[in-house]
Amino acid sequence: MNKLIAIFVVLIFGVVLLSPFVVNAIRGGMSKGVSKLDIVLPSSGKCIKDKEYMRANHMDLLKKERVKAVRDGVRTNDYSLKNCQTCHQKRDEFCDRCHHFVGVKPECFECHYYPTGKKECKGRE
C-alpha cells in the first residue's frame, strides 16, 4: 500500500513539473522554433567585426571602451558608440529593435544621445 501511495505522489509531482511544457507544446510554442529579427544593416554594409561576433560581444566592446575613456582618459573611436552611429544612424531601427527583441534595456542612452527616426522633443514645445 505504501508503494502505491509513493508511486501516485511521484506521478502527480511529475505531472505538475511537466505541465508548463505540455501547455507550451499544445499551443505550438515548441514547433515554432527560434524566431529571428530582421535588423537594418549598416549603410556601409560592413561592421568593424563580423555579424555573429558583434551580436554576442558588442556590449563588452562598448564597456571596455568606456573604461578606457573614463578611467584611463584614452578616447578612441575604434569601438565607441559614436563610431557605431556612423553606420547605424537611427537607434530605433537598430539598437532599440534588437534590445526590445531580446528583452534588455541598455544604459547607454541614459547619458549618450543617439538619434532615432522618431520625432524627438528638443526642449520645451
PDB file of N, CA and C in Angstrom:
ATOM      1  N   MET A   1       0.818  -1.194   0.000  1.00  0.00           N
ATOM      2  CA  MET A   1       0.000   0.000   0.000  1.00  0.00           C
ATOM      3  C   MET A   1       0.867   1.267   0.000  1.00  0.00           C
ATOM      4  N   ASN A   2       1.986   1.260   0.759  1.00  0.00           N
ATOM      5  CA  ASN A   2       2.873   2.426   0.802  1.00  0.00           C
ATOM      6  C   ASN A   2       3.543   2.666  -0.548  1.00  0.00           C
ATOM      7  N   LYS A   3       3.873   1.587  -1.270  1.00  0.00           N
ATOM      8  CA  LYS A   3       4.474   1.727  -2.589  1.00  0.00           C
ATOM      9  C   LYS A   3       3.492   2.366  -3.561  1.00  0.00           C
ATOM     10  N   LEU A   4       2.242   2.017  -3.460  1.00  0.00           N
ATOM     11  CA  LEU A   4       1.215   2.569  -4.330  1.00  0.00           C
ATOM     12  C   LEU A   4       1.060   4.070  -4.091  1.00  0.00           C
ATOM     13  N   ILE A   5       1.084   4.486  -2.837  1.00  0.00           N
ATOM     14  CA  ILE A   5       0.973   5.908  -2.493  1.00  0.00           C
ATOM     15  C   ILE A   5       2.210   6.655  -2.998  1.00  0.00           C
ATOM     16  N   ALA A   6       3.396   6.071  -2.834  1.00  0.00           N
ATOM     17  CA  ALA A   6       4.634   6.704  -3.285  1.00  0.00           C
ATOM     18  C   ALA A   6       4.627   6.873  -4.804  1.00  0.00           C
ATOM     19  N   ILE A   7       4.181   5.875  -5.528  1.00  0.00           N
ATOM     20  CA  ILE A   7       4.105   5.959  -6.981  1.00  0.00           C
ATOM     21  C   ILE A   7       3.115   7.039  -7.398  1.00  0.00           C
ATOM     22  N   PHE A   8       1.995   7.116  -6.717  1.00  0.00           N
ATOM     23  CA  PHE A   8       0.981   8.120  -7.010  1.00  0.00           C
ATOM     24  C   PHE A   8       1.538   9.534  -6.768  1.00  0.00           C
ATOM     25  N   VAL A   9       2.254   9.731  -5.663  1.00  0.00           N
ATOM     26  CA  VAL A   9       2.833  11.042  -5.336  1.00  0.00           C
ATOM     27  C   VAL A   9       3.871  11.436  -6.392  1.00  0.00           C
ATOM     28  N   VAL A  10       4.735  10.494  -6.782  1.00  0.00           N
ATOM     29  CA  VAL A  10       5.744  10.779  -7.802  1.00  0.00           C
ATOM     30  C   VAL A  10       5.074  11.104  -9.130  1.00  0.00           C
ATOM     31  N   LEU A  11       4.034  10.399  -9.470  1.00  0.00           N
ATOM     32  CA  LEU A  11       3.310  10.645 -10.710  1.00  0.00           C
ATOM     33  C   LEU A  11       2.688  12.044 -10.715  1.00  0.00           C
ATOM     34  N   ILE A  12       2.046  12.420  -9.627  1.00  0.00           N
ATOM     35  CA  ILE A  12       1.443  13.761  -9.516  1.00  0.00           C
ATOM     36  C   ILE A  12       2.528  14.823  -9.591  1.00  0.00           C
ATOM     37  N   PHE A  13       3.635  14.610  -8.890  1.00  0.00           N
ATOM     38  CA  PHE A  13       4.757  15.558  -8.906  1.00  0.00           C
ATOM     39  C   PHE A  13       5.294  15.716 -10.331  1.00  0.00           C
ATOM     40  N   GLY A  14       5.423  14.613 -11.055  1.00  0.00           N
ATOM     41  CA  GLY A  14       5.897  14.651 -12.434  1.00  0.00           C
ATOM     42  C   GLY A  14       4.950  15.410 -13.350  1.00  0.00           C
ATOM     43  N   VAL A  15       3.659  15.199 -13.176  1.00  0.00           N
ATOM     44  CA  VAL A  15       2.658  15.908 -13.981  1.00  0.00           C
ATOM     45  C   VAL A  15       2.732  17.412 -13.726  1.00  0.00           C
ATOM     46  N   VAL A  16       2.880  17.793 -12.470  1.00  0.00           N
ATOM     47  CA  VAL A  16       2.965  19.218 -12.124  1.00  0.00           C
ATOM     48  C   VAL A  16       4.226  19.834 -12.736  1.00  0.00           C
ATOM     49  N   LEU A  17       5.347  19.124 -12.664  1.00  0.00           N
ATOM     50  CA  LEU A  17       6.585  19.653 -13.234  1.00  0.00           C
ATOM     51  C   LEU A  17       6.550  19.752 -14.752  1.00  0.00           C
ATOM     52  N   LEU A  18       5.904  18.822 -15.400  1.00  0.00           N
ATOM     53  CA  LEU A  18       5.873  18.804 -16.857  1.00  0.00           C
ATOM     54  C   LEU A  18       4.738  19.619 -17.467  1.00  0.00           C
ATOM     55  N   SER A  19       3.792  20.077 -16.664  1.00  0.00           N
ATOM     56  CA  SER A  19       2.626  20.777 -17.204  1.00  0.00           C
ATOM     57  C   SER A  19       2.971  22.022 -18.025  1.00  0.00           C
ATOM     58  N   PRO A  20       3.952  22.858 -17.629  1.00  0.00           N
ATOM     59  CA  PRO A  20       4.264  24.012 -18.491  1.00  0.00           C
ATOM     60  C   PRO A  20       4.739  23.597 -19.884  1.00  0.00           C
ATOM     61  N   PHE A  21       5.510  22.519 -19.959  1.00  0.00           N
ATOM     62  CA  PHE A  21       5.997  22.046 -21.253  1.00  0.00           C
ATOM     63  C   PHE A  21       4.855  21.495 -22.105  1.00  0.00           C
ATOM     64  N   VAL A  22       3.932  20.818 -21.469  1.00  0.00           N
ATOM     65  CA  VAL A  22       2.789  20.252 -22.184  1.00  0.00           C
ATOM     66  C   VAL A  22       1.918  21.384 -22.732  1.00  0.00           C
ATOM     67  N   VAL A  23       1.658  22.396 -21.905  1.00  0.00           N
ATOM     68  CA  VAL A  23       0.839  23.534 -22.343  1.00  0.00           C
ATOM     69  C   VAL A  23       1.518  24.260 -23.501  1.00  0.00           C
ATOM     70  N   ASN A  24       2.827  24.462 -23.406  1.00  0.00           N
ATOM     71  CA  ASN A  24       3.577  25.132 -24.468  1.00  0.00           C
ATOM     72  C   ASN A  24       3.526  24.327 -25.762  1.00  0.00           C
ATOM     73  N   ALA A  25       3.643  23.014 -25.667  1.00  0.00           N
ATOM     74  CA  ALA A  25       3.590  22.161 -26.852  1.00  0.00           C
ATOM     75  C   ALA A  25       2.211  22.201 -27.493  1.00  0.00           C
ATOM     76  N   ILE A  26       1.171  22.222 -26.659  1.00  0.00           N
ATOM     77  CA  ILE A  26      -0.200  22.275 -27.176  1.00  0.00           C
ATOM     78  C   ILE A  26      -0.445  23.589 -27.913  1.00  0.00           C
ATOM     79  N   ARG A  27       0.074  24.679 -27.380  1.00  0.00           N
ATOM     80  CA  ARG A  27      -0.106  25.985 -28.010  1.00  0.00           C
ATOM     81  C   ARG A  27       0.778  26.171 -29.234  1.00  0.00           C
ATOM     82  N   GLY A  28       1.678  25.249 -29.476  1.00  0.00           N
ATOM     83  CA  GLY A  28       2.526  25.325 -30.658  1.00  0.00           C
ATOM     84  C   GLY A  28       3.839  26.029 -30.437  1.00  0.00           C
ATOM     85  N   GLY A  29       4.187  26.338 -29.208  1.00  0.00           N
ATOM     86  CA  GLY A  29       5.421  27.057 -28.918  1.00  0.00           C
ATOM     87  C   GLY A  29       6.670  26.277 -29.266  1.00  0.00           C
ATOM     88  N   MET A  30       6.655  24.969 -29.081  1.00  0.00           N
ATOM     89  CA  MET A  30       7.851  24.189 -29.356  1.00  0.00           C
ATOM     90  C   MET A  30       8.055  23.974 -30.847  1.00  0.00           C
ATOM     91  N   SER A  31       7.008  23.977 -31.613  1.00  0.00           N
ATOM     92  CA  SER A  31       7.144  23.725 -33.046  1.00  0.00           C
ATOM     93  C   SER A  31       7.543  24.975 -33.822  1.00  0.00           C
ATOM     94  N   LYS A  32       7.405  26.143 -33.230  1.00  0.00           N
ATOM     95  CA  LYS A  32       7.710  27.383 -33.925  1.00  0.00           C
ATOM     96  C   LYS A  32       9.206  27.587 -34.113  1.00  0.00           C
ATOM     97  N   GLY A  33       9.999  27.074 -33.213  1.00  0.00           N
ATOM     98  CA  GLY A  33      11.451  27.272 -33.300  1.00  0.00           C
ATOM     99  C   GLY A  33      11.820  28.664 -32.837  1.00  0.00           C
ATOM    100  N   VAL A  34      13.055  29.019 -33.027  1.00  0.00           N
ATOM    101  CA  VAL A  34      13.551  30.318 -32.599  1.00  0.00           C
ATOM    102  C   VAL A  34      13.304  31.329 -33.710  1.00  0.00           C
ATOM    103  N   SER A  35      12.656  32.418 -33.355  1.00  0.00           N
ATOM    104  CA  SER A  35      12.402  33.444 -34.359  1.00  0.00           C
ATOM    105  C   SER A  35      13.654  34.287 -34.537  1.00  0.00           C
ATOM    106  N   LYS A  36      13.766  34.897 -35.704  1.00  0.00           N
ATOM    107  CA  LYS A  36      14.906  35.759 -35.986  1.00  0.00           C
ATOM    108  C   LYS A  36      14.401  37.169 -36.219  1.00  0.00           C
ATOM    109  N   LEU A  37      15.233  38.106 -35.851  1.00  0.00           N
ATOM    110  CA  LEU A  37      14.893  39.505 -36.015  1.00  0.00           C
ATOM    111  C   LEU A  37      15.601  40.046 -37.245  1.00  0.00           C
ATOM    112  N   ASP A  38      14.844  40.680 -38.111  1.00  0.00           N
ATOM    113  CA  ASP A  38      15.449  41.342 -39.258  1.00  0.00           C
ATOM    114  C   ASP A  38      15.816  42.750 -38.835  1.00  0.00           C
ATOM    115  N   ILE A  39      17.111  43.028 -38.835  1.00  0.00           N
ATOM    116  CA  ILE A  39      17.556  44.356 -38.433  1.00  0.00           C
ATOM    117  C   ILE A  39      18.087  45.104 -39.640  1.00  0.00           C
ATOM    118  N   VAL A  40      18.120  46.413 -39.522  1.00  0.00           N
ATOM    119  CA  VAL A  40      18.615  47.258 -40.591  1.00  0.00           C
ATOM    120  C   VAL A  40      20.136  47.160 -40.602  1.00  0.00           C
ATOM    121  N   LEU A  41      20.676  46.744 -41.729  1.00  0.00           N
ATOM    122  CA  LEU A  41      22.128  46.613 -41.842  1.00  0.00           C
ATOM    123  C   LEU A  41      22.784  47.975 -41.944  1.00  0.00           C
ATOM    124  N   PRO A  42      24.048  48.056 -41.588  1.00  0.00           N
ATOM    125  CA  PRO A  42      24.745  49.343 -41.685  1.00  0.00           C
ATOM    126  C   PRO A  42      24.775  49.853 -43.128  1.00  0.00           C
ATOM    127  N   SER A  43      24.815  51.153 -43.258  1.00  0.00           N
ATOM    128  CA  SER A  43      24.806  51.742 -44.597  1.00  0.00           C
ATOM    129  C   SER A  43      26.051  51.355 -45.386  1.00  0.00           C
ATOM    130  N   SER A  44      27.154  51.101 -44.687  1.00  0.00           N
ATOM    131  CA  SER A  44      28.381  50.717 -45.389  1.00  0.00           C
ATOM    132  C   SER A  44      28.369  49.249 -45.783  1.00  0.00           C
ATOM    133  N   GLY A  45      27.492  48.445 -45.168  1.00  0.00           N
ATOM    134  CA  GLY A  45      27.419  47.026 -45.471  1.00  0.00           C
ATOM    135  C   GLY A  45      28.407  46.182 -44.691  1.00  0.00           C
ATOM    136  N   LYS A  46      29.322  46.813 -43.949  1.00  0.00           N
ATOM    137  CA  LYS A  46      30.323  46.067 -43.203  1.00  0.00           C
ATOM    138  C   LYS A  46      30.547  46.724 -41.849  1.00  0.00           C
ATOM    139  N   CYS A  47      30.615  45.899 -40.814  1.00  0.00           N
ATOM    140  CA  CYS A  47      30.850  46.398 -39.463  1.00  0.00           C
ATOM    141  C   CYS A  47      32.334  46.232 -39.123  1.00  0.00           C
ATOM    142  N   ILE A  48      32.719  46.708 -37.939  1.00  0.00           N
ATOM    143  CA  ILE A  48      34.116  46.599 -37.534  1.00  0.00           C
ATOM    144  C   ILE A  48      34.534  45.157 -37.263  1.00  0.00           C
ATOM    145  N   LYS A  49      33.582  44.314 -36.941  1.00  0.00           N
ATOM    146  CA  LYS A  49      33.805  42.869 -36.759  1.00  0.00           C
ATOM    147  C   LYS A  49      32.654  42.154 -37.470  1.00  0.00           C
ATOM    148  N   ASP A  50      32.743  40.824 -37.583  1.00  0.00           N
ATOM    149  CA  ASP A  50      31.677  40.101 -38.267  1.00  0.00           C
ATOM    150  C   ASP A  50      30.388  40.110 -37.443  1.00  0.00           C
ATOM    151  N   LYS A  51      29.270  39.848 -38.119  1.00  0.00           N
ATOM    152  CA  LYS A  51      27.932  39.968 -37.538  1.00  0.00           C
ATOM    153  C   LYS A  51      27.748  39.116 -36.280  1.00  0.00           C
ATOM    154  N   GLU A  52      28.166  37.855 -36.325  1.00  0.00           N
ATOM    155  CA  GLU A  52      27.982  36.958 -35.177  1.00  0.00           C
ATOM    156  C   GLU A  52      28.773  37.442 -33.969  1.00  0.00           C
ATOM    157  N   TYR A  53      29.997  37.915 -34.195  1.00  0.00           N
ATOM    158  CA  TYR A  53      30.818  38.426 -33.103  1.00  0.00           C
ATOM    159  C   TYR A  53      30.164  39.654 -32.479  1.00  0.00           C
ATOM    160  N   MET A  54      29.687  40.559 -33.313  1.00  0.00           N
ATOM    161  CA  MET A  54      29.082  41.793 -32.800  1.00  0.00           C
ATOM    162  C   MET A  54      27.798  41.505 -32.029  1.00  0.00           C
ATOM    163  N   ARG A  55      26.998  40.553 -32.491  1.00  0.00           N
ATOM    164  CA  ARG A  55      25.779  40.211 -31.764  1.00  0.00           C
ATOM    165  C   ARG A  55      26.096  39.709 -30.360  1.00  0.00           C
ATOM    166  N   ALA A  56      27.151  38.948 -30.237  1.00  0.00           N
ATOM    167  CA  ALA A  56      27.492  38.349 -28.952  1.00  0.00           C
ATOM    168  C   ALA A  56      28.351  39.247 -28.071  1.00  0.00           C
ATOM    169  N   ASN A  57      29.125  40.153 -28.653  1.00  0.00           N
ATOM    170  CA  ASN A  57      30.144  40.862 -27.871  1.00  0.00           C
ATOM    171  C   ASN A  57      30.115  42.378 -27.925  1.00  0.00           C
ATOM    172  N   HIS A  58      29.144  42.992 -28.626  1.00  0.00           N
ATOM    173  CA  HIS A  58      29.187  44.448 -28.754  1.00  0.00           C
ATOM    174  C   HIS A  58      29.145  45.153 -27.411  1.00  0.00           C
ATOM    175  N   MET A  59      28.394  44.586 -26.454  1.00  0.00           N
ATOM    176  CA  MET A  59      28.304  45.249 -25.151  1.00  0.00           C
ATOM    177  C   MET A  59      29.638  45.226 -24.426  1.00  0.00           C
ATOM    178  N   ASP A  60      30.412  44.155 -24.595  1.00  0.00           N
ATOM    179  CA  ASP A  60      31.733  44.085 -23.972  1.00  0.00           C
ATOM    180  C   ASP A  60      32.694  45.085 -24.602  1.00  0.00           C
ATOM    181  N   LEU A  61      32.613  45.231 -25.922  1.00  0.00           N
ATOM    182  CA  LEU A  61      33.466  46.210 -26.600  1.00  0.00           C
ATOM    183  C   LEU A  61      33.156  47.624 -26.115  1.00  0.00           C
ATOM    184  N   LEU A  62      31.862  47.934 -25.990  1.00  0.00           N
ATOM    185  CA  LEU A  62      31.473  49.267 -25.521  1.00  0.00           C
ATOM    186  C   LEU A  62      31.874  49.504 -24.066  1.00  0.00           C
ATOM    187  N   LYS A  63      31.750  48.478 -23.233  1.00  0.00           N
ATOM    188  CA  LYS A  63      32.156  48.622 -21.831  1.00  0.00           C
ATOM    189  C   LYS A  63      33.658  48.840 -21.705  1.00  0.00           C
ATOM    190  N   LYS A  64      34.446  48.096 -22.484  1.00  0.00           N
ATOM    191  CA  LYS A  64      35.905  48.271 -22.444  1.00  0.00           C
ATOM    192  C   LYS A  64      36.287  49.667 -22.921  1.00  0.00           C
ATOM    193  N   GLU A  65      35.608  50.144 -23.958  1.00  0.00           N
ATOM    194  CA  GLU A  65      35.862  51.489 -24.472  1.00  0.00           C
ATOM    195  C   GLU A  65      35.516  52.535 -23.413  1.00  0.00           C
ATOM    196  N   ARG A  66      34.420  52.295 -22.682  1.00  0.00           N
ATOM    197  CA  ARG A  66      34.012  53.210 -21.617  1.00  0.00           C
ATOM    198  C   ARG A  66      35.074  53.268 -20.521  1.00  0.00           C
ATOM    199  N   VAL A  67      35.583  52.121 -20.117  1.00  0.00           N
ATOM    200  CA  VAL A  67      36.607  52.075 -19.066  1.00  0.00           C
ATOM    201  C   VAL A  67      37.859  52.817 -19.519  1.00  0.00           C
ATOM    202  N   LYS A  68      38.278  52.596 -20.768  1.00  0.00           N
ATOM    203  CA  LYS A  68      39.466  53.289 -21.273  1.00  0.00           C
ATOM    204  C   LYS A  68      39.251  54.800 -21.271  1.00  0.00           C
ATOM    205  N   ALA A  69      38.065  55.242 -21.665  1.00  0.00           N
ATOM    206  CA  ALA A  69      37.799  56.678 -21.758  1.00  0.00           C
ATOM    207  C   ALA A  69      37.642  57.323 -20.389  1.00  0.00           C
ATOM    208  N   VAL A  70      36.855  56.709 -19.519  1.00  0.00           N
ATOM    209  CA  VAL A  70      36.534  57.328 -18.237  1.00  0.00           C
ATOM    210  C   VAL A  70      37.672  57.179 -17.230  1.00  0.00           C
ATOM    211  N   ARG A  71      38.211  55.992 -17.112  1.00  0.00           N
ATOM    212  CA  ARG A  71      39.227  55.743 -16.077  1.00  0.00           C
ATOM    213  C   ARG A  71      40.640  56.078 -16.530  1.00  0.00           C
ATOM    214  N   ASP A  72      40.944  55.792 -17.793  1.00  0.00           N
ATOM    215  CA  ASP A  72      42.308  55.990 -18.275  1.00  0.00           C
ATOM    216  C   ASP A  72      42.471  57.279 -19.072  1.00  0.00           C
ATOM    217  N   GLY A  73      41.375  57.903 -19.459  1.00  0.00           N
ATOM    218  CA  GLY A  73      41.442  59.140 -20.221  1.00  0.00           C
ATOM    219  C   GLY A  73      41.839  58.953 -21.675  1.00  0.00           C
ATOM    220  N   VAL A  74      41.775  57.725 -22.170  1.00  0.00           N
ATOM    221  CA  VAL A  74      42.142  57.427 -23.553  1.00  0.00           C
ATOM    222  C   VAL A  74      40.861  57.303 -24.372  1.00  0.00           C
ATOM    223  N   ARG A  75      40.688  58.229 -25.314  1.00  0.00           N
ATOM    224  CA  ARG A  75      39.487  58.207 -26.145  1.00  0.00           C
ATOM    225  C   ARG A  75      39.866  57.849 -27.580  1.00  0.00           C
ATOM    226  N   THR A  76      39.274  56.749 -28.046  1.00  0.00           N
ATOM    227  CA  THR A  76      39.460  56.337 -29.433  1.00  0.00           C
ATOM    228  C   THR A  76      38.079  56.099 -30.035  1.00  0.00           C
ATOM    229  N   ASN A  77      38.025  56.029 -31.342  1.00  0.00           N
ATOM    230  CA  ASN A  77      36.747  55.770 -31.997  1.00  0.00           C
ATOM    231  C   ASN A  77      36.602  54.332 -32.456  1.00  0.00           C
ATOM    232  N   ASP A  78      37.572  53.482 -32.146  1.00  0.00           N
ATOM    233  CA  ASP A  78      37.546  52.103 -32.629  1.00  0.00           C
ATOM    234  C   ASP A  78      36.235  51.401 -32.287  1.00  0.00           C
ATOM    235  N   TYR A  79      35.906  51.345 -31.021  1.00  0.00           N
ATOM    236  CA  TYR A  79      34.708  50.622 -30.570  1.00  0.00           C
ATOM    237  C   TYR A  79      33.773  51.549 -29.802  1.00  0.00           C
ATOM    238  N   SER A  80      33.744  52.798 -30.160  1.00  0.00           N
ATOM    239  CA  SER A  80      32.917  53.768 -29.441  1.00  0.00           C
ATOM    240  C   SER A  80      31.494  53.790 -29.985  1.00  0.00           C
ATOM    241  N   LEU A  81      30.586  54.272 -29.165  1.00  0.00           N
ATOM    242  CA  LEU A  81      29.198  54.422 -29.585  1.00  0.00           C
ATOM    243  C   LEU A  81      29.101  55.406 -30.751  1.00  0.00           C
ATOM    244  N   LYS A  82      29.942  56.429 -30.735  1.00  0.00           N
ATOM    245  CA  LYS A  82      29.962  57.404 -31.831  1.00  0.00           C
ATOM    246  C   LYS A  82      30.351  56.739 -33.148  1.00  0.00           C
ATOM    247  N   ASN A  83      31.254  55.774 -33.104  1.00  0.00           N
ATOM    248  CA  ASN A  83      31.638  55.035 -34.307  1.00  0.00           C
ATOM    249  C   ASN A  83      30.462  54.194 -34.810  1.00  0.00           C
ATOM    250  N   CYS A  84      29.693  53.614 -33.891  1.00  0.00           N
ATOM    251  CA  CYS A  84      28.510  52.834 -34.286  1.00  0.00           C
ATOM    252  C   CYS A  84      27.525  53.712 -35.061  1.00  0.00           C
ATOM    253  N   GLN A  85      27.394  54.970 -34.611  1.00  0.00           N
ATOM    254  CA  GLN A  85      26.434  55.891 -35.215  1.00  0.00           C
ATOM    255  C   GLN A  85      26.764  56.244 -36.653  1.00  0.00           C
ATOM    256  N   THR A  86      28.013  56.086 -37.062  1.00  0.00           N
ATOM    257  CA  THR A  86      28.366  56.443 -38.437  1.00  0.00           C
ATOM    258  C   THR A  86      27.641  55.551 -39.439  1.00  0.00           C
ATOM    259  N   CYS A  87      27.418  54.276 -39.067  1.00  0.00           N
ATOM    260  CA  CYS A  87      26.722  53.346 -39.969  1.00  0.00           C
ATOM    261  C   CYS A  87      25.281  53.080 -39.526  1.00  0.00           C
ATOM    262  N   HIS A  88      25.092  52.856 -38.245  1.00  0.00           N
ATOM    263  CA  HIS A  88      23.763  52.573 -37.688  1.00  0.00           C
ATOM    264  C   HIS A  88      23.189  53.904 -37.212  1.00  0.00           C
ATOM    265  N   GLN A  89      22.595  54.643 -38.144  1.00  0.00           N
ATOM    266  CA  GLN A  89      22.259  56.032 -37.870  1.00  0.00           C
ATOM    267  C   GLN A  89      21.000  56.228 -37.036  1.00  0.00           C
ATOM    268  N   LYS A  90      20.045  55.333 -37.117  1.00  0.00           N
ATOM    269  CA  LYS A  90      18.797  55.508 -36.373  1.00  0.00           C
ATOM    270  C   LYS A  90      18.693  54.436 -35.292  1.00  0.00           C
ATOM    271  N   ARG A  91      18.724  54.877 -34.063  1.00  0.00           N
ATOM    272  CA  ARG A  91      18.702  53.970 -32.917  1.00  0.00           C
ATOM    273  C   ARG A  91      17.463  53.087 -32.890  1.00  0.00           C
ATOM    274  N   ASP A  92      16.294  53.625 -33.267  1.00  0.00           N
ATOM    275  CA  ASP A  92      15.063  52.834 -33.201  1.00  0.00           C
ATOM    276  C   ASP A  92      15.033  51.711 -34.230  1.00  0.00           C
ATOM    277  N   GLU A  93      15.758  51.860 -35.329  1.00  0.00           N
ATOM    278  CA  GLU A  93      15.789  50.815 -36.350  1.00  0.00           C
ATOM    279  C   GLU A  93      16.840  49.746 -36.068  1.00  0.00           C
ATOM    280  N   PHE A  94      17.763  50.037 -35.197  1.00  0.00           N
ATOM    281  CA  PHE A  94      18.839  49.075 -34.952  1.00  0.00           C
ATOM    282  C   PHE A  94      18.907  48.687 -33.483  1.00  0.00           C
ATOM    283  N   CYS A  95      19.425  49.542 -32.647  1.00  0.00           N
ATOM    284  CA  CYS A  95      19.621  49.219 -31.223  1.00  0.00           C
ATOM    285  C   CYS A  95      18.307  48.872 -30.533  1.00  0.00           C
ATOM    286  N   ASP A  96      17.334  49.764 -30.633  1.00  0.00           N
ATOM    287  CA  ASP A  96      16.081  49.581 -29.899  1.00  0.00           C
ATOM    288  C   ASP A  96      15.336  48.320 -30.332  1.00  0.00           C
ATOM    289  N   ARG A  97      15.294  48.059 -31.640  1.00  0.00           N
ATOM    290  CA  ARG A  97      14.591  46.856 -32.132  1.00  0.00           C
ATOM    291  C   ARG A  97      15.208  45.588 -31.566  1.00  0.00           C
ATOM    292  N   CYS A  98      16.518  45.518 -31.620  1.00  0.00           N
ATOM    293  CA  CYS A  98      17.207  44.305 -31.169  1.00  0.00           C
ATOM    294  C   CYS A  98      17.118  44.154 -29.646  1.00  0.00           C
ATOM    295  N   HIS A  99      17.357  45.240 -28.924  1.00  0.00           N
ATOM    296  CA  HIS A  99      17.284  45.166 -27.466  1.00  0.00           C
ATOM    297  C   HIS A  99      15.873  44.835 -26.995  1.00  0.00           C
ATOM    298  N   HIS A 100      14.862  45.367 -27.654  1.00  0.00           N
ATOM    299  CA  HIS A 100      13.479  45.040 -27.309  1.00  0.00           C
ATOM    300  C   HIS A 100      13.197  43.565 -27.602  1.00  0.00           C
ATOM    301  N   PHE A 101      13.709  43.067 -28.717  1.00  0.00           N
ATOM    302  CA  PHE A 101      13.502  41.679 -29.129  1.00  0.00           C
ATOM    303  C   PHE A 101      14.062  40.710 -28.092  1.00  0.00           C
ATOM    304  N   VAL A 102      15.242  41.004 -27.553  1.00  0.00           N
ATOM    305  CA  VAL A 102      15.861  40.097 -26.577  1.00  0.00           C
ATOM    306  C   VAL A 102      15.503  40.459 -25.142  1.00  0.00           C
ATOM    307  N   GLY A 103      14.792  41.560 -24.933  1.00  0.00           N
ATOM    308  CA  GLY A 103      14.299  41.905 -23.601  1.00  0.00           C
ATOM    309  C   GLY A 103      15.323  42.516 -22.673  1.00  0.00           C
ATOM    310  N   VAL A 104      16.203  43.360 -23.190  1.00  0.00           N
ATOM    311  CA  VAL A 104      17.173  44.048 -22.335  1.00  0.00           C
ATOM    312  C   VAL A 104      17.049  45.550 -22.522  1.00  0.00           C
ATOM    313  N   LYS A 105      17.422  46.294 -21.500  1.00  0.00           N
ATOM    314  CA  LYS A 105      17.386  47.757 -21.570  1.00  0.00           C
ATOM    315  C   LYS A 105      18.797  48.280 -21.366  1.00  0.00           C
ATOM    316  N   PRO A 106      19.425  48.768 -22.427  1.00  0.00           N
ATOM    317  CA  PRO A 106      20.788  49.275 -22.287  1.00  0.00           C
ATOM    318  C   PRO A 106      20.808  50.582 -21.508  1.00  0.00           C
ATOM    319  N   GLU A 107      21.893  50.829 -20.808  1.00  0.00           N
ATOM    320  CA  GLU A 107      22.037  52.047 -20.026  1.00  0.00           C
ATOM    321  C   GLU A 107      22.696  53.170 -20.824  1.00  0.00           C
ATOM    322  N   CYS A 108      23.173  52.853 -22.017  1.00  0.00           N
ATOM    323  CA  CYS A 108      23.934  53.819 -22.820  1.00  0.00           C
ATOM    324  C   CYS A 108      23.177  55.130 -23.029  1.00  0.00           C
ATOM    325  N   PHE A 109      21.886  55.000 -23.356  1.00  0.00           N
ATOM    326  CA  PHE A 109      21.131  56.150 -23.820  1.00  0.00           C
ATOM    327  C   PHE A 109      20.573  57.000 -22.676  1.00  0.00           C
ATOM    328  N   GLU A 110      20.888  56.627 -21.440  1.00  0.00           N
ATOM    329  CA  GLU A 110      20.528  57.485 -20.318  1.00  0.00           C
ATOM    330  C   GLU A 110      21.450  58.699 -20.289  1.00  0.00           C
ATOM    331  N   CYS A 111      22.669  58.536 -20.805  1.00  0.00           N
ATOM    332  CA  CYS A 111      23.639  59.638 -20.832  1.00  0.00           C
ATOM    333  C   CYS A 111      23.969  60.096 -22.248  1.00  0.00           C
ATOM    334  N   HIS A 112      24.054  59.140 -23.176  1.00  0.00           N
ATOM    335  CA  HIS A 112      24.504  59.444 -24.528  1.00  0.00           C
ATOM    336  C   HIS A 112      23.328  59.670 -25.470  1.00  0.00           C
ATOM    337  N   TYR A 113      23.445  60.721 -26.270  1.00  0.00           N
ATOM    338  CA  TYR A 113      22.428  60.999 -27.278  1.00  0.00           C
ATOM    339  C   TYR A 113      22.717  60.153 -28.511  1.00  0.00           C
ATOM    340  N   TYR A 114      21.700  59.475 -28.969  1.00  0.00           N
ATOM    341  CA  TYR A 114      21.811  58.645 -30.178  1.00  0.00           C
ATOM    342  C   TYR A 114      20.487  58.830 -30.893  1.00  0.00           C
ATOM    343  N   PRO A 115      20.463  59.499 -32.032  1.00  0.00           N
ATOM    344  CA  PRO A 115      19.200  59.857 -32.680  1.00  0.00           C
ATOM    345  C   PRO A 115      18.369  58.648 -33.099  1.00  0.00           C
ATOM    346  N   THR A 116      17.064  58.822 -33.017  1.00  0.00           N
ATOM    347  CA  THR A 116      16.131  57.811 -33.506  1.00  0.00           C
ATOM    348  C   THR A 116      15.451  58.375 -34.743  1.00  0.00           C
ATOM    349  N   GLY A 117      14.687  57.550 -35.409  1.00  0.00           N
ATOM    350  CA  GLY A 117      13.934  58.015 -36.565  1.00  0.00           C
ATOM    351  C   GLY A 117      12.650  58.720 -36.167  1.00  0.00           C
ATOM    352  N   LYS A 118      12.296  58.606 -34.868  1.00  0.00           N
ATOM    353  CA  LYS A 118      11.052  59.216 -34.370  1.00  0.00           C
ATOM    354  C   LYS A 118      11.259  60.697 -34.112  1.00  0.00           C
ATOM    355  N   LYS A 119      10.165  61.450 -34.114  1.00  0.00           N
ATOM    356  CA  LYS A 119      10.249  62.855 -33.774  1.00  0.00           C
ATOM    357  C   LYS A 119      10.569  62.964 -32.296  1.00  0.00           C
ATOM    358  N   GLU A 120      11.630  63.668 -31.982  1.00  0.00           N
ATOM    359  CA  GLU A 120      12.051  63.801 -30.600  1.00  0.00           C
ATOM    360  C   GLU A 120      11.857  65.233 -30.123  1.00  0.00           C
ATOM    361  N   CYS A 121      11.538  65.359 -28.882  1.00  0.00           N
ATOM    362  CA  CYS A 121      11.345  66.662 -28.267  1.00  0.00           C
ATOM    363  C   CYS A 121      12.702  67.303 -28.023  1.00  0.00           C
ATOM    364  N   LYS A 122      12.910  68.497 -28.510  1.00  0.00           N
ATOM    365  CA  LYS A 122      14.145  69.254 -28.291  1.00  0.00           C
ATOM    366  C   LYS A 122      13.853  70.388 -27.316  1.00  0.00           C
ATOM    367  N   GLY A 123      13.764  70.075 -26.059  1.00  0.00           N
ATOM    368  CA  GLY A 123      13.460  71.095 -25.059  1.00  0.00           C
ATOM    369  C   GLY A 123      11.964  71.301 -24.937  1.00  0.00           C
ATOM    370  N   ARG A 124      11.591  72.534 -24.614  1.00  0.00           N
ATOM    371  CA  ARG A 124      10.161  72.840 -24.426  1.00  0.00           C
ATOM    372  C   ARG A 124       9.495  73.081 -25.764  1.00  0.00           C
ATOM    373  N   GLU A 125       8.226  72.702 -25.791  1.00  0.00           N
ATOM    374  CA  GLU A 125       7.466  72.915 -27.039  1.00  0.00           C
ATOM    375  C   GLU A 125       6.747  74.232 -26.997  1.00  0.00           C
TER     376      GLU A 125
END
